[in-house]
Amino acid sequence: KESLKVHDHVMRECLHNQGGYEVKTIGDAFMVAFASAVDAVDFSLNVQEKLVQSKWPQELLCLDHCAWQEDGPWCGLRVRIGIHCGEVEVQLNTLTGRYDYFGNTVNKAARMEG
């Protein structure tokens, strides 16, 4: 639970700093949008750097795949980020008051991440 808080904080801080829009979250997955592909790539690089620099709970760092590794740039949770650019359909969600994005571009980005 504490690890997810760290993850979410980093994601939202980088999103804000890069001028992105949080479309929605599903579990630990974020769907975000940017005005340009360059902004999306910058966001992705910043997220990876900030995650490595974050203070993670000790119980997470005890796991082999989350511990600091001398031979690699990892520490804490690892995330995959899919990026794709193109036309999307935008709809206002009347329940949340937030915009949602649909279409082939969104589907391709989701599959790149997975």
N, C-alpha and C. Protein backbone atom coordinates (compact mmCIF):
# COMPACT_ATOMS: atom_id res chain seq x y z
N LYS A 1 0.83 -1.19 0.00
CA LYS A 1 0.00 0.00 0.00
C LYS A 1 0.87 1.26 0.00
N GLU A 2 1.90 1.27 0.82
CA GLU A 2 2.81 2.42 0.87
C GLU A 2 3.57 2.56 -0.44
N SER A 3 3.93 1.44 -1.05
CA SER A 3 4.64 1.48 -2.33
C SER A 3 3.76 2.09 -3.42
N LEU A 4 2.49 1.77 -3.40
CA LEU A 4 1.57 2.34 -4.39
C LEU A 4 1.43 3.85 -4.19
N LYS A 5 1.48 4.32 -2.95
CA LYS A 5 1.43 5.75 -2.68
C LYS A 5 2.65 6.46 -3.27
N VAL A 6 3.82 5.85 -3.11
CA VAL A 6 5.05 6.42 -3.68
C VAL A 6 4.92 6.47 -5.20
N HIS A 7 4.51 5.36 -5.79
CA HIS A 7 4.33 5.26 -7.24
C HIS A 7 3.37 6.34 -7.74
N ASP A 8 2.20 6.45 -7.13
CA ASP A 8 1.19 7.41 -7.56
C ASP A 8 1.67 8.85 -7.41
N HIS A 9 2.39 9.12 -6.33
CA HIS A 9 2.93 10.46 -6.11
C HIS A 9 3.91 10.83 -7.23
N VAL A 10 4.81 9.92 -7.56
CA VAL A 10 5.79 10.17 -8.63
C VAL A 10 5.08 10.39 -9.96
N MET A 11 4.12 9.53 -10.26
CA MET A 11 3.40 9.66 -11.52
C MET A 11 2.72 11.03 -11.63
N ARG A 12 2.03 11.42 -10.57
CA ARG A 12 1.27 12.68 -10.61
C ARG A 12 2.20 13.91 -10.58
N GLU A 13 3.28 13.83 -9.85
CA GLU A 13 4.25 14.93 -9.83
C GLU A 13 4.85 15.14 -11.23
N CYS A 14 5.28 14.06 -11.86
CA CYS A 14 5.86 14.16 -13.20
C CYS A 14 4.81 14.60 -14.22
N LEU A 15 3.60 14.11 -14.06
CA LEU A 15 2.51 14.50 -14.96
C LEU A 15 2.26 16.00 -14.87
N HIS A 16 2.20 16.51 -13.66
CA HIS A 16 1.99 17.95 -13.44
C HIS A 16 3.16 18.75 -14.04
N ASN A 17 4.39 18.32 -13.76
CA ASN A 17 5.57 19.04 -14.24
C ASN A 17 5.66 19.06 -15.76
N GLN A 18 5.13 18.03 -16.40
CA GLN A 18 5.20 17.94 -17.86
C GLN A 18 3.96 18.49 -18.55
N GLY A 19 2.97 18.93 -17.77
CA GLY A 19 1.77 19.53 -18.35
C GLY A 19 0.81 18.50 -18.95
N GLY A 20 0.83 17.28 -18.42
CA GLY A 20 -0.05 16.24 -18.92
C GLY A 20 -1.40 16.25 -18.25
N TYR A 21 -2.29 15.39 -18.73
CA TYR A 21 -3.66 15.26 -18.22
C TYR A 21 -3.89 13.82 -17.79
N GLU A 22 -4.30 13.64 -16.54
CA GLU A 22 -4.63 12.30 -16.04
C GLU A 22 -6.05 11.96 -16.48
N VAL A 23 -6.15 11.03 -17.42
CA VAL A 23 -7.45 10.62 -17.93
C VAL A 23 -8.14 9.75 -16.89
N LYS A 24 -7.44 8.70 -16.45
CA LYS A 24 -8.00 7.80 -15.43
C LYS A 24 -6.93 6.86 -14.92
N THR A 25 -7.24 6.21 -13.81
CA THR A 25 -6.38 5.15 -13.28
C THR A 25 -7.22 3.89 -13.14
N ILE A 26 -6.56 2.78 -13.36
CA ILE A 26 -7.18 1.47 -13.15
C ILE A 26 -6.17 0.65 -12.37
N GLY A 27 -6.42 0.50 -11.07
CA GLY A 27 -5.42 -0.16 -10.22
C GLY A 27 -4.18 0.71 -10.15
N ASP A 28 -3.04 0.16 -10.56
CA ASP A 28 -1.80 0.94 -10.57
C ASP A 28 -1.48 1.51 -11.95
N ALA A 29 -2.39 1.32 -12.91
CA ALA A 29 -2.17 1.81 -14.28
C ALA A 29 -2.75 3.21 -14.45
N PHE A 30 -1.98 4.07 -15.08
CA PHE A 30 -2.40 5.43 -15.37
C PHE A 30 -2.61 5.57 -16.86
N MET A 31 -3.71 6.20 -17.25
CA MET A 31 -3.90 6.62 -18.64
C MET A 31 -3.76 8.13 -18.63
N VAL A 32 -2.77 8.63 -19.37
CA VAL A 32 -2.48 10.06 -19.39
C VAL A 32 -2.39 10.55 -20.83
N ALA A 33 -2.54 11.85 -21.01
CA ALA A 33 -2.48 12.44 -22.35
C ALA A 33 -1.60 13.69 -22.31
N PHE A 34 -0.94 13.94 -23.43
CA PHE A 34 -0.05 15.10 -23.56
C PHE A 34 -0.34 15.81 -24.87
N ALA A 35 0.07 17.06 -24.94
CA ALA A 35 -0.11 17.85 -26.15
C ALA A 35 0.82 17.39 -27.27
N SER A 36 1.96 16.77 -26.91
CA SER A 36 2.91 16.33 -27.93
C SER A 36 3.57 15.02 -27.51
N ALA A 37 4.09 14.32 -28.51
CA ALA A 37 4.82 13.07 -28.25
C ALA A 37 6.09 13.35 -27.46
N VAL A 38 6.73 14.48 -27.72
CA VAL A 38 7.95 14.85 -26.99
C VAL A 38 7.64 14.98 -25.49
N ASP A 39 6.52 15.62 -25.16
CA ASP A 39 6.12 15.74 -23.76
C ASP A 39 5.90 14.37 -23.13
N ALA A 40 5.30 13.45 -23.87
CA ALA A 40 5.05 12.10 -23.36
C ALA A 40 6.36 11.36 -23.10
N VAL A 41 7.31 11.48 -23.99
CA VAL A 41 8.61 10.82 -23.81
C VAL A 41 9.35 11.43 -22.63
N ASP A 42 9.34 12.76 -22.53
CA ASP A 42 9.98 13.42 -21.38
C ASP A 42 9.35 12.96 -20.07
N PHE A 43 8.04 12.88 -20.04
CA PHE A 43 7.34 12.39 -18.85
C PHE A 43 7.82 10.98 -18.49
N SER A 44 7.89 10.11 -19.47
CA SER A 44 8.29 8.73 -19.24
C SER A 44 9.69 8.63 -18.66
N LEU A 45 10.61 9.38 -19.22
CA LEU A 45 11.99 9.38 -18.71
C LEU A 45 12.05 9.93 -17.29
N ASN A 46 11.31 11.01 -17.04
CA ASN A 46 11.29 11.60 -15.70
C ASN A 46 10.71 10.65 -14.67
N VAL A 47 9.65 9.93 -15.04
CA VAL A 47 9.06 8.95 -14.12
C VAL A 47 10.09 7.89 -13.75
N GLN A 48 10.77 7.35 -14.75
CA GLN A 48 11.75 6.29 -14.47
C GLN A 48 12.86 6.80 -13.54
N GLU A 49 13.36 8.00 -13.81
CA GLU A 49 14.41 8.56 -12.96
C GLU A 49 13.93 8.81 -11.53
N LYS A 50 12.73 9.37 -11.40
CA LYS A 50 12.18 9.67 -10.07
C LYS A 50 11.88 8.40 -9.28
N LEU A 51 11.43 7.36 -9.96
CA LEU A 51 11.15 6.11 -9.25
C LEU A 51 12.43 5.52 -8.66
N VAL A 52 13.52 5.59 -9.40
CA VAL A 52 14.80 5.07 -8.89
C VAL A 52 15.27 5.89 -7.69
N GLN A 53 15.00 7.19 -7.70
CA GLN A 53 15.45 8.09 -6.64
C GLN A 53 14.52 8.11 -5.43
N SER A 54 13.36 7.50 -5.53
CA SER A 54 12.35 7.57 -4.46
C SER A 54 12.75 6.77 -3.23
N LYS A 55 12.18 7.18 -2.11
CA LYS A 55 12.39 6.46 -0.86
C LYS A 55 11.29 5.39 -0.76
N TRP A 56 11.69 4.14 -0.91
CA TRP A 56 10.75 3.02 -0.92
C TRP A 56 10.69 2.36 0.44
N PRO A 57 9.55 1.78 0.81
CA PRO A 57 9.44 1.05 2.08
C PRO A 57 10.45 -0.10 2.12
N GLN A 58 10.99 -0.34 3.27
CA GLN A 58 12.01 -1.37 3.44
C GLN A 58 11.51 -2.76 3.04
N GLU A 59 10.23 -3.05 3.32
CA GLU A 59 9.70 -4.38 2.97
C GLU A 59 9.70 -4.61 1.45
N LEU A 60 9.61 -3.54 0.67
CA LEU A 60 9.71 -3.66 -0.78
C LEU A 60 11.16 -3.88 -1.20
N LEU A 61 12.07 -3.14 -0.59
CA LEU A 61 13.47 -3.24 -0.97
C LEU A 61 14.10 -4.56 -0.57
N CYS A 62 13.44 -5.32 0.29
CA CYS A 62 13.93 -6.66 0.66
C CYS A 62 13.72 -7.67 -0.47
N LEU A 63 12.86 -7.36 -1.41
CA LEU A 63 12.60 -8.25 -2.54
C LEU A 63 13.73 -8.11 -3.56
N ASP A 64 14.22 -9.24 -4.06
CA ASP A 64 15.36 -9.22 -4.97
C ASP A 64 15.16 -8.32 -6.18
N HIS A 65 13.99 -8.37 -6.79
CA HIS A 65 13.77 -7.59 -8.01
C HIS A 65 13.47 -6.11 -7.74
N CYS A 66 13.41 -5.71 -6.47
CA CYS A 66 13.16 -4.30 -6.13
C CYS A 66 14.36 -3.64 -5.44
N ALA A 67 15.32 -4.45 -5.00
CA ALA A 67 16.48 -3.93 -4.28
C ALA A 67 17.41 -3.19 -5.25
N TRP A 68 18.20 -2.28 -4.70
CA TRP A 68 19.20 -1.57 -5.51
C TRP A 68 20.15 -2.59 -6.10
N GLN A 69 20.45 -2.43 -7.38
CA GLN A 69 21.35 -3.35 -8.07
C GLN A 69 22.56 -2.60 -8.57
N GLU A 70 23.73 -3.06 -8.20
CA GLU A 70 24.97 -2.41 -8.61
C GLU A 70 25.15 -2.42 -10.12
N ASP A 71 24.65 -3.47 -10.79
CA ASP A 71 24.87 -3.63 -12.23
C ASP A 71 23.72 -3.07 -13.07
N GLY A 72 22.80 -2.37 -12.45
CA GLY A 72 21.67 -1.84 -13.21
C GLY A 72 21.07 -0.63 -12.53
N PRO A 73 20.19 0.05 -13.22
CA PRO A 73 19.64 1.31 -12.70
C PRO A 73 18.37 1.14 -11.87
N TRP A 74 18.12 -0.03 -11.30
CA TRP A 74 16.84 -0.27 -10.65
C TRP A 74 16.91 -0.11 -9.15
N CYS A 75 15.83 0.42 -8.60
CA CYS A 75 15.60 0.47 -7.16
C CYS A 75 14.12 0.75 -6.97
N GLY A 76 13.44 -0.13 -6.27
CA GLY A 76 12.01 0.05 -6.04
C GLY A 76 11.18 -0.60 -7.14
N LEU A 77 9.98 -0.09 -7.31
CA LEU A 77 9.09 -0.65 -8.33
C LEU A 77 9.61 -0.32 -9.72
N ARG A 78 9.39 -1.25 -10.64
CA ARG A 78 9.70 -1.03 -12.04
C ARG A 78 8.38 -0.84 -12.77
N VAL A 79 8.35 0.07 -13.71
CA VAL A 79 7.12 0.31 -14.46
C VAL A 79 7.40 0.26 -15.95
N ARG A 80 6.38 -0.14 -16.69
CA ARG A 80 6.42 -0.11 -18.16
C ARG A 80 5.49 1.01 -18.60
N ILE A 81 5.92 1.75 -19.60
CA ILE A 81 5.12 2.86 -20.09
C ILE A 81 4.99 2.72 -21.61
N GLY A 82 3.75 2.68 -22.09
CA GLY A 82 3.51 2.62 -23.53
C GLY A 82 3.13 3.99 -24.05
N ILE A 83 3.71 4.38 -25.19
CA ILE A 83 3.43 5.68 -25.79
C ILE A 83 3.03 5.47 -27.24
N HIS A 84 1.99 6.15 -27.64
CA HIS A 84 1.58 6.15 -29.04
C HIS A 84 0.93 7.49 -29.32
N CYS A 85 1.10 8.00 -30.53
CA CYS A 85 0.48 9.29 -30.85
C CYS A 85 -0.43 9.14 -32.07
N GLY A 86 -1.43 9.97 -32.09
CA GLY A 86 -2.38 9.94 -33.19
C GLY A 86 -3.71 10.55 -32.78
N GLU A 87 -4.68 10.43 -33.67
CA GLU A 87 -6.01 10.97 -33.42
C GLU A 87 -6.77 10.10 -32.41
N VAL A 88 -7.54 10.75 -31.55
CA VAL A 88 -8.36 10.05 -30.57
C VAL A 88 -9.77 10.63 -30.56
N GLU A 89 -10.70 9.86 -30.04
CA GLU A 89 -12.04 10.35 -29.79
C GLU A 89 -12.09 10.80 -28.34
N VAL A 90 -12.58 11.99 -28.10
CA VAL A 90 -12.65 12.55 -26.74
C VAL A 90 -14.11 12.67 -26.35
N GLN A 91 -14.42 12.15 -25.15
CA GLN A 91 -15.79 12.25 -24.64
C GLN A 91 -15.75 12.70 -23.20
N LEU A 92 -16.68 13.57 -22.85
CA LEU A 92 -16.81 14.02 -21.47
C LEU A 92 -17.61 12.98 -20.70
N ASN A 93 -17.06 12.50 -19.60
CA ASN A 93 -17.76 11.58 -18.71
C ASN A 93 -18.65 12.43 -17.80
N THR A 94 -19.95 12.31 -17.96
CA THR A 94 -20.88 13.15 -17.21
C THR A 94 -20.90 12.82 -15.72
N LEU A 95 -20.48 11.62 -15.34
CA LEU A 95 -20.43 11.26 -13.92
C LEU A 95 -19.24 11.90 -13.21
N THR A 96 -18.08 11.88 -13.87
CA THR A 96 -16.86 12.38 -13.23
C THR A 96 -16.53 13.81 -13.62
N GLY A 97 -17.09 14.28 -14.74
CA GLY A 97 -16.76 15.60 -15.23
C GLY A 97 -15.39 15.67 -15.89
N ARG A 98 -14.80 14.51 -16.14
CA ARG A 98 -13.48 14.44 -16.76
C ARG A 98 -13.60 13.88 -18.17
N TYR A 99 -12.60 14.18 -18.97
CA TYR A 99 -12.59 13.69 -20.35
C TYR A 99 -11.99 12.30 -20.40
N ASP A 100 -12.50 11.48 -21.32
CA ASP A 100 -11.97 10.15 -21.56
C ASP A 100 -11.61 10.06 -23.04
N TYR A 101 -10.66 9.21 -23.34
CA TYR A 101 -10.15 9.08 -24.70
C TYR A 101 -10.40 7.67 -25.21
N PHE A 102 -10.76 7.56 -26.49
CA PHE A 102 -11.07 6.28 -27.11
C PHE A 102 -10.46 6.22 -28.51
N GLY A 103 -10.40 5.01 -29.05
CA GLY A 103 -9.98 4.83 -30.43
C GLY A 103 -8.74 3.97 -30.58
N ASN A 104 -8.32 3.79 -31.82
CA ASN A 104 -7.18 2.92 -32.14
C ASN A 104 -5.89 3.40 -31.49
N THR A 105 -5.68 4.71 -31.42
CA THR A 105 -4.46 5.23 -30.81
C THR A 105 -4.37 4.80 -29.34
N VAL A 106 -5.47 4.90 -28.63
CA VAL A 106 -5.51 4.50 -27.21
C VAL A 106 -5.27 2.99 -27.09
N ASN A 107 -5.90 2.21 -27.93
CA ASN A 107 -5.74 0.75 -27.89
C ASN A 107 -4.30 0.34 -28.17
N LYS A 108 -3.66 0.99 -29.13
CA LYS A 108 -2.26 0.67 -29.46
C LYS A 108 -1.32 1.02 -28.29
N ALA A 109 -1.54 2.16 -27.68
CA ALA A 109 -0.70 2.55 -26.54
C ALA A 109 -0.84 1.56 -25.40
N ALA A 110 -2.05 1.10 -25.14
CA ALA A 110 -2.28 0.13 -24.06
C ALA A 110 -1.55 -1.18 -24.35
N ARG A 111 -1.53 -1.60 -25.60
CA ARG A 111 -0.86 -2.85 -25.95
C ARG A 111 0.67 -2.71 -25.97
N MET A 112 1.17 -1.54 -26.24
CA MET A 112 2.61 -1.31 -26.19
C MET A 112 3.12 -1.45 -24.77
N GLU A 113 2.34 -0.97 -23.82
CA GLU A 113 2.73 -1.05 -22.41
C GLU A 113 2.76 -2.49 -21.95
N GLY A 114 1.77 -3.27 -22.35
CA GLY A 114 1.65 -4.65 -21.89
C GLY A 114 2.62 -5.52 -22.53
